[in-house]
Amino acid sequence: MTDPLYPSLLDLDQAWSADTVAVQAGRPSRVPGAPMNAPITLSSTYVHDARLEYGRDGNSAWGALEAALAALDGGRAVTFASGLAAATAIAALVPPGGTVVLPSVAYFGVRNIFDRMRSDGRLHVRMVPADDTDAVLAAAEGADMVWVESIANPLIVVADVPAIAAGARERGAITVVDATFATPLRQRPLDLGADIVLHSATKLIAGHSDVLLGAAVCRDSAHADFLATHRHDHGAIPGALDAFLALRGLRTLAVRLDRAEASAAVLARRLAAHPHVSRVNYPGLPDHPQHERASRVLPSGSGSMLSFEVAGTVEQTEAFLARLRLLTHATSLGGVESLIERRARYAGDASIVGPTLCRLSVGIENVEDLWADLDTALRAALD
């Protein structure tokens, strides 16, 4: 279902490429004098006897963004104030006393949501490695929801989404795929059998480190209705300006991702050969243990994210980060600027990563400049 003001290009006879859809979907209908972009409606209330009555009911900027994401992912989209707001709403789909299968390597914010629900006696959690499909499906027996990350944060683990989704469905569980790292341009989980796709649109979709916004795209309208009601009742609505900026960022996702992904592949190869790096996690490397799976479930590429372990101490790793001049030592990812951080500085990740593991979000700067900064800082800190 799409907002009638912002029709999906996929409703037309021609099947457009995803990068074209990212540019064109979610625009106002083409009538004389219509604007190219959906307006930002700054109003908390509306005149009675129409579909919208109050600010939590909807907004023109949400409608446009949701139409575009629905067209890209092939489902019905619901946007939220943040990725974690979307994740919290999805988690509420699990019935009281139900069971969730959660990957042992996953974003710690999502792990925290389910850990609190487990501690409150709300549900049961089974944690298994997402790259072990047999273990995931064994844990899915009797479960209500299977949650995976198509490229898992921060170890860049690739899950076999088609096999997991098919097996979960056979066992009566729904599959949720966090596709934040992949984006709809690298993977369409609904086409692979998943039921709900989660995006932290704060990241690659918006792409400029100036927005907090999340989205869920659902195969089943009943799930989308539940999430929209949850958003309304809990007030987890996106701001009108945030939605506008996220949609503007989506328009350039294809060119940004192509550039960042190409640079990530170059940096991963060079880091793998660096004397001060002991391990690189990037499935685009031919000798990476998950290269074959990545080629199958992410056929357009391996993304703009990688992580690597510095072959030294924590102190040397911190010295390396402090010596960087171009890359920024900061959290988050997916922006036009390259960001890096030592993930074990967070208690939520310290239990699943090595103490010197650095996660690198590759931006759109010149790749030779990025490499010079990395190499110079590594040698200055560890030589």
Protein backbone atom coordinates (compact mmCIF):
# COMPACT_ATOMS: atom_id res chain seq x y z
CA MET A 1 0.00 0.00 0.00
CA THR A 2 1.36 3.43 -0.89
CA ASP A 3 0.23 6.93 -0.14
CA PRO A 4 -1.91 8.02 -3.13
CA LEU A 5 -0.11 11.37 -3.20
CA TYR A 6 3.23 9.61 -3.79
CA PRO A 7 2.64 6.63 -6.11
CA SER A 8 5.29 3.94 -6.38
CA LEU A 9 7.04 3.67 -9.74
CA LEU A 10 6.75 -0.10 -9.32
CA ASP A 11 3.00 0.31 -9.86
CA LEU A 12 3.76 1.16 -13.47
CA ASP A 13 4.18 -1.35 -16.28
CA GLN A 14 7.93 -0.97 -16.62
CA ALA A 15 10.22 -2.51 -14.00
CA TRP A 16 12.72 0.22 -13.23
CA SER A 17 16.17 -0.45 -11.78
CA ALA A 18 16.59 0.10 -8.04
CA ASP A 19 18.91 3.08 -8.48
CA THR A 20 16.28 4.73 -10.70
CA VAL A 21 13.55 4.01 -8.17
CA ALA A 22 15.67 5.61 -5.43
CA VAL A 23 15.71 8.83 -7.43
CA GLN A 24 12.12 8.89 -8.66
CA ALA A 25 9.83 7.14 -6.15
CA GLY A 26 7.99 9.16 -3.53
CA ARG A 27 7.65 12.33 -5.59
CA PRO A 28 4.38 14.24 -5.93
CA SER A 29 2.11 13.30 -8.82
CA ARG A 30 3.12 14.97 -12.08
CA VAL A 31 0.44 17.55 -12.60
CA PRO A 32 1.06 21.04 -13.97
CA GLY A 33 2.76 23.22 -11.40
CA ALA A 34 3.49 20.36 -8.99
CA PRO A 35 6.75 20.60 -7.02
CA MET A 36 9.46 18.02 -7.64
CA ASN A 37 9.76 17.30 -3.92
CA ALA A 38 7.19 16.52 -1.25
CA PRO A 39 6.66 19.58 0.98
CA ILE A 40 7.70 19.78 4.61
CA THR A 41 4.47 20.24 6.53
CA LEU A 42 5.21 21.90 9.85
CA SER A 43 1.93 21.45 11.65
CA SER A 44 0.87 19.52 14.72
CA THR A 45 -2.83 19.59 13.90
CA TYR A 46 -5.15 19.47 10.89
CA VAL A 47 -8.70 20.59 10.11
CA HIS A 48 -11.27 17.87 10.90
CA ASP A 49 -12.96 15.45 8.50
CA ALA A 50 -9.85 14.38 6.62
CA ARG A 51 -7.47 11.41 6.89
CA LEU A 52 -5.06 13.42 9.06
CA GLU A 53 -6.25 15.07 12.24
CA TYR A 54 -3.15 15.27 14.45
CA GLY A 55 0.62 15.28 14.01
CA ARG A 56 1.00 11.66 15.11
CA ASP A 57 -1.36 10.53 12.34
CA GLY A 58 0.96 11.33 9.44
CA ASN A 59 2.90 13.91 7.51
CA SER A 60 3.55 14.62 3.85
CA ALA A 61 7.28 14.06 4.33
CA TRP A 62 6.69 10.65 5.93
CA GLY A 63 4.33 9.68 3.16
CA ALA A 64 6.87 10.47 0.46
CA LEU A 65 9.71 8.63 2.22
CA GLU A 66 7.53 5.63 2.98
CA ALA A 67 6.40 5.44 -0.64
CA ALA A 68 10.03 5.44 -1.82
CA LEU A 69 11.15 2.78 0.68
CA ALA A 70 8.10 0.65 -0.11
CA ALA A 71 8.99 0.79 -3.80
CA LEU A 72 12.60 -0.14 -3.13
CA ASP A 73 11.99 -3.01 -0.72
CA GLY A 74 8.77 -4.31 -2.24
CA GLY A 75 6.52 -4.04 0.82
CA ARG A 76 4.69 -1.49 2.96
CA ALA A 77 6.92 0.95 4.84
CA VAL A 78 6.44 2.56 8.26
CA THR A 79 8.95 5.20 9.39
CA PHE A 80 10.00 5.94 12.96
CA ALA A 81 11.95 8.47 15.00
CA SER A 82 15.06 6.24 14.93
CA GLY A 83 16.25 2.79 13.99
CA LEU A 84 15.89 1.65 17.60
CA ALA A 85 12.33 3.01 17.72
CA ALA A 86 11.55 0.83 14.71
CA ALA A 87 13.30 -2.15 16.34
CA THR A 88 11.33 -1.64 19.56
CA ALA A 89 8.04 -1.63 17.65
CA ILE A 90 9.00 -4.80 15.77
CA ALA A 91 9.96 -6.50 19.04
CA ALA A 92 6.45 -5.80 20.32
CA LEU A 93 5.14 -8.22 17.68
CA VAL A 94 6.41 -11.11 19.79
CA PRO A 95 3.53 -12.38 21.97
CA PRO A 96 3.94 -12.42 25.77
CA GLY A 97 6.03 -15.43 26.74
CA GLY A 98 7.17 -15.86 23.14
CA THR A 99 10.66 -16.69 21.91
CA VAL A 100 13.07 -14.72 19.73
CA VAL A 101 16.15 -16.13 18.00
CA LEU A 102 18.78 -13.41 18.07
CA PRO A 103 22.24 -13.44 16.46
CA SER A 104 25.13 -13.56 18.91
CA VAL A 105 26.87 -10.90 16.81
CA ALA A 106 24.44 -8.02 16.35
CA TYR A 107 24.04 -4.33 17.05
CA PHE A 108 24.19 -3.92 20.83
CA GLY A 109 21.21 -1.56 20.88
CA VAL A 110 19.00 -4.34 19.53
CA ARG A 111 20.53 -6.84 21.95
CA ASN A 112 19.69 -4.43 24.79
CA ILE A 113 16.03 -4.20 23.73
CA PHE A 114 15.58 -7.96 23.86
CA ASP A 115 17.69 -8.39 26.99
CA ARG A 116 15.47 -5.95 28.88
CA MET A 117 12.34 -7.71 27.65
CA ARG A 118 13.84 -11.03 28.72
CA SER A 119 14.78 -9.65 32.15
CA ASP A 120 11.22 -8.38 32.59
CA GLY A 121 9.87 -11.85 31.84
CA ARG A 122 8.27 -10.60 28.64
CA LEU A 123 9.89 -13.14 26.32
CA HIS A 124 12.64 -15.73 25.89
CA VAL A 125 15.80 -15.21 23.87
CA ARG A 126 17.95 -17.80 22.11
CA MET A 127 21.27 -16.44 20.84
CA VAL A 128 23.13 -18.26 18.06
CA PRO A 129 25.75 -17.35 15.43
CA ALA A 130 23.93 -15.93 12.41
CA ASP A 131 26.42 -17.47 9.98
CA ASP A 132 25.61 -20.99 11.28
CA THR A 133 22.35 -21.58 9.43
CA ASP A 134 21.77 -25.02 10.95
CA ALA A 135 22.10 -23.58 14.46
CA VAL A 136 19.72 -20.73 13.64
CA LEU A 137 17.07 -23.12 12.33
CA ALA A 138 17.49 -25.48 15.26
CA ALA A 139 16.91 -22.54 17.59
CA ALA A 140 13.89 -21.49 15.51
CA GLU A 141 11.94 -24.60 16.55
CA GLY A 142 9.02 -23.28 18.58
CA ALA A 143 10.17 -19.67 18.21
CA ASP A 144 7.99 -16.73 17.18
CA MET A 145 10.60 -14.50 15.56
CA VAL A 146 14.04 -14.97 13.99
CA TRP A 147 16.11 -11.79 13.85
CA VAL A 148 19.15 -11.51 11.59
CA GLU A 149 21.43 -8.81 10.26
CA SER A 150 22.19 -9.27 6.58
CA ILE A 151 25.65 -7.84 7.27
CA ALA A 152 26.16 -8.05 11.02
CA ASN A 153 27.61 -5.24 13.08
CA PRO A 154 30.54 -5.06 13.87
CA LEU A 155 32.15 -8.30 12.62
CA ILE A 156 30.63 -8.00 9.11
CA VAL A 157 29.07 -11.46 9.32
CA VAL A 158 26.85 -12.45 6.38
CA ALA A 159 23.71 -14.49 7.15
CA ASP A 160 22.10 -16.85 4.63
CA VAL A 161 18.81 -14.94 4.54
CA PRO A 162 16.98 -17.15 1.99
CA ALA A 163 17.71 -20.37 3.89
CA ILE A 164 16.93 -18.84 7.29
CA ALA A 165 13.70 -17.21 6.11
CA ALA A 166 12.47 -20.41 4.45
CA GLY A 167 13.33 -22.52 7.48
CA ALA A 168 11.78 -20.06 9.92
CA ARG A 169 8.56 -19.97 7.91
CA GLU A 170 8.36 -23.76 7.98
CA ARG A 171 8.67 -23.60 11.76
CA GLY A 172 5.98 -20.93 12.13
CA ALA A 173 8.31 -18.02 12.93
CA ILE A 174 8.55 -14.67 11.18
CA THR A 175 11.93 -13.43 9.98
CA VAL A 176 13.15 -9.88 10.58
CA VAL A 177 16.21 -8.72 8.65
CA ASP A 178 18.15 -5.64 9.68
CA ALA A 179 19.43 -4.52 6.29
CA THR A 180 21.00 -1.25 7.46
CA PHE A 181 24.45 -2.13 6.09
CA ALA A 182 23.13 -3.67 2.86
CA THR A 183 20.44 -1.07 2.00
CA PRO A 184 17.71 -1.90 -0.55
CA LEU A 185 20.27 -1.39 -3.32
CA ARG A 186 22.35 -4.37 -2.22
CA GLN A 187 19.69 -6.71 -0.85
CA ARG A 188 15.88 -6.96 -0.86
CA PRO A 189 15.17 -9.33 2.04
CA LEU A 190 11.43 -9.53 1.32
CA ASP A 191 12.30 -11.04 -2.06
CA LEU A 192 14.47 -13.56 -0.19
CA GLY A 193 11.59 -14.68 2.00
CA ALA A 194 11.85 -12.37 5.01
CA ASP A 195 8.72 -10.86 6.57
CA ILE A 196 10.03 -7.50 7.82
CA VAL A 197 13.03 -5.40 6.84
CA LEU A 198 14.53 -2.94 9.32
CA HIS A 199 16.59 0.08 8.30
CA SER A 200 18.37 2.55 10.49
CA ALA A 201 17.86 5.27 7.90
CA THR A 202 20.15 7.43 10.04
CA LYS A 203 22.98 5.60 8.30
CA LEU A 204 23.44 4.97 4.57
CA ILE A 205 19.94 5.88 3.45
CA ALA A 206 20.10 9.45 4.79
CA GLY A 207 23.85 9.41 4.34
CA HIS A 208 24.96 12.76 5.78
CA SER A 209 25.17 12.26 9.57
CA ASP A 210 22.43 14.82 10.18
CA VAL A 211 19.31 12.71 10.71
CA LEU A 212 17.91 10.20 13.22
CA LEU A 213 15.30 8.03 11.51
CA GLY A 214 14.25 4.38 11.22
CA ALA A 215 11.98 2.38 8.96
CA ALA A 216 10.35 -1.03 8.81
CA VAL A 217 9.13 -2.47 5.52
CA CYS A 218 6.60 -5.31 5.83
CA ARG A 219 5.40 -8.06 3.54
CA ASP A 220 2.11 -8.40 5.48
CA SER A 221 -0.16 -5.35 5.82
CA ALA A 222 -1.26 -6.63 9.24
CA HIS A 223 2.31 -6.25 10.49
CA ALA A 224 2.52 -2.76 8.99
CA ASP A 225 -0.79 -1.80 10.63
CA PHE A 226 0.51 -3.02 14.00
CA LEU A 227 3.74 -1.04 13.64
CA ALA A 228 1.92 2.11 12.55
CA THR A 229 -0.40 1.86 15.56
CA HIS A 230 2.57 1.26 17.86
CA ARG A 231 4.29 4.34 16.42
CA HIS A 232 1.15 6.43 16.92
CA ASP A 233 0.46 5.25 20.46
CA HIS A 234 4.06 5.47 21.65
CA GLY A 235 4.77 8.75 19.88
CA ALA A 236 7.82 7.37 18.06
CA ILE A 237 7.19 9.52 15.00
CA PRO A 238 9.88 10.93 12.72
CA GLY A 239 10.27 14.67 12.45
CA ALA A 240 9.05 16.22 9.22
CA LEU A 241 12.46 17.72 8.46
CA ASP A 242 14.22 14.44 9.28
CA ALA A 243 11.97 12.57 6.86
CA PHE A 244 12.57 15.18 4.17
CA LEU A 245 16.35 14.97 4.62
CA ALA A 246 16.33 11.17 4.65
CA LEU A 247 14.46 11.12 1.35
CA ARG A 248 16.85 13.67 -0.11
CA GLY A 249 19.72 11.45 1.00
CA LEU A 250 18.09 8.41 -0.59
CA ARG A 251 18.18 10.15 -3.97
CA THR A 252 22.00 9.88 -4.05
CA LEU A 253 22.35 6.50 -2.30
CA ALA A 254 23.37 4.66 -5.47
CA VAL A 255 26.29 6.93 -6.34
CA ARG A 256 27.41 7.25 -2.71
CA LEU A 257 27.29 3.50 -2.13
CA ASP A 258 29.07 2.66 -5.38
CA ARG A 259 31.92 5.00 -4.47
CA ALA A 260 32.17 3.93 -0.83
CA GLU A 261 31.97 0.24 -1.66
CA ALA A 262 34.69 0.46 -4.29
CA SER A 263 36.94 2.25 -1.80
CA ALA A 264 36.12 -0.25 0.95
CA ALA A 265 37.28 -3.11 -1.27
CA VAL A 266 40.58 -1.35 -1.94
CA LEU A 267 41.16 -0.54 1.72
CA ALA A 268 40.25 -4.07 2.82
CA ARG A 269 42.82 -5.60 0.45
CA ARG A 270 45.55 -3.22 1.54
CA LEU A 271 44.79 -3.59 5.25
CA ALA A 272 44.88 -7.38 4.90
CA ALA A 273 48.47 -7.08 3.70
CA HIS A 274 49.53 -4.48 6.28
CA PRO A 275 52.16 -5.57 8.83
CA HIS A 276 50.26 -3.91 11.69
CA VAL A 277 46.89 -5.53 10.94
CA SER A 278 46.19 -9.09 12.09
CA ARG A 279 42.72 -9.65 10.63
CA VAL A 280 40.29 -7.98 8.24
CA ASN A 281 36.55 -8.66 8.19
CA TYR A 282 35.21 -7.89 4.73
CA PRO A 283 33.35 -10.54 2.71
CA GLY A 284 34.45 -8.95 -0.55
CA LEU A 285 37.94 -10.39 -0.02
CA PRO A 286 38.32 -13.53 -2.17
CA ASP A 287 39.86 -15.52 0.70
CA HIS A 288 37.25 -14.42 3.26
CA PRO A 289 35.41 -17.49 4.66
CA GLN A 290 32.05 -15.96 3.77
CA HIS A 291 32.98 -14.72 0.31
CA GLU A 292 30.85 -17.32 -1.51
CA ARG A 293 27.79 -16.61 0.63
CA ALA A 294 28.23 -12.86 0.21
CA SER A 295 28.42 -13.30 -3.56
CA ARG A 296 25.14 -15.22 -3.46
CA VAL A 297 23.01 -13.13 -1.07
CA LEU A 298 24.64 -9.75 -1.78
CA PRO A 299 25.23 -10.10 -5.52
CA SER A 300 25.79 -6.38 -6.11
CA GLY A 301 28.72 -6.11 -3.70
CA SER A 302 29.89 -6.42 -0.13
CA GLY A 303 29.08 -2.97 1.18
CA SER A 304 30.96 0.01 2.54
CA MET A 305 31.64 -1.38 6.02
CA LEU A 306 34.64 -3.34 7.22
CA SER A 307 36.42 -4.05 10.47
CA PHE A 308 39.98 -5.02 11.27
CA GLU A 309 42.14 -5.92 14.25
CA VAL A 310 45.26 -3.91 14.94
CA ALA A 311 48.25 -6.18 15.60
CA GLY A 312 49.17 -4.46 18.85
CA THR A 313 47.91 -3.45 22.26
CA VAL A 314 44.84 -1.45 23.18
CA GLU A 315 47.10 1.50 23.92
CA GLN A 316 48.73 1.26 20.50
CA THR A 317 45.30 1.01 18.86
CA GLU A 318 44.15 4.14 20.67
CA ALA A 319 47.37 5.87 19.59
CA PHE A 320 46.66 4.87 15.99
CA LEU A 321 43.16 6.35 16.18
CA ALA A 322 44.49 9.54 17.75
CA ARG A 323 46.97 10.00 14.89
CA LEU A 324 44.36 9.89 12.13
CA ARG A 325 43.88 13.25 10.42
CA LEU A 326 41.33 12.54 7.69
CA LEU A 327 39.21 9.75 9.15
CA THR A 328 37.12 10.82 12.13
CA HIS A 329 37.19 8.86 15.38
CA ALA A 330 33.44 8.76 16.05
CA THR A 331 30.51 6.39 16.27
CA SER A 332 27.78 5.78 13.67
CA LEU A 333 28.29 4.93 10.01
CA GLY A 334 27.05 5.36 6.48
CA GLY A 335 27.76 9.06 6.03
CA VAL A 336 29.70 10.70 3.24
CA GLU A 337 32.62 11.07 5.66
CA SER A 338 34.70 8.08 6.79
CA LEU A 339 34.34 7.16 10.47
CA ILE A 340 36.32 4.72 12.58
CA GLU A 341 36.22 3.53 16.17
CA ARG A 342 37.47 0.78 18.48
CA ARG A 343 34.29 -1.14 19.23
CA ALA A 344 35.42 -2.75 22.50
CA ARG A 345 35.18 0.69 24.10
CA TYR A 346 31.45 -0.18 24.39
CA ALA A 347 30.55 -2.75 27.03
CA GLY A 348 27.89 -4.14 24.71
CA ASP A 349 30.49 -5.07 22.09
CA ALA A 350 33.44 -5.90 24.34
CA SER A 351 32.13 -9.43 24.87
CA ILE A 352 31.96 -10.27 21.16
CA VAL A 353 34.97 -8.49 19.62
CA GLY A 354 38.68 -8.41 20.21
CA PRO A 355 40.07 -5.46 22.19
CA THR A 356 41.82 -3.94 19.15
CA LEU A 357 39.02 -4.37 16.60
CA CYS A 358 38.26 -1.17 14.71
CA ARG A 359 35.09 -0.71 12.68
CA LEU A 360 35.53 1.44 9.59
CA SER A 361 32.66 3.12 7.76
CA VAL A 362 34.08 4.13 4.40
CA GLY A 363 32.84 7.42 2.99
CA ILE A 364 33.25 9.04 -0.40
CA GLU A 365 36.63 10.73 0.04
CA ASN A 366 39.46 9.91 -2.36
CA VAL A 367 40.56 6.36 -1.59
CA GLU A 368 44.26 7.19 -1.86
CA ASP A 369 43.86 9.91 0.76
CA LEU A 370 42.05 7.49 3.04
CA TRP A 371 44.74 4.87 2.62
CA ALA A 372 47.56 7.35 3.24
CA ASP A 373 45.88 8.41 6.49
CA LEU A 374 45.38 4.82 7.69
CA ASP A 375 48.86 3.65 6.75
CA THR A 376 50.63 6.69 8.20
CA ALA A 377 48.75 6.46 11.50
CA LEU A 378 49.31 2.71 11.83
CA ARG A 379 53.04 3.03 11.23
CA ALA A 380 53.37 6.04 13.55
CA ALA A 381 51.64 4.18 16.38
CA LEU A 382 53.17 0.72 15.98
CA ASP A 383 56.57 0.97 14.26
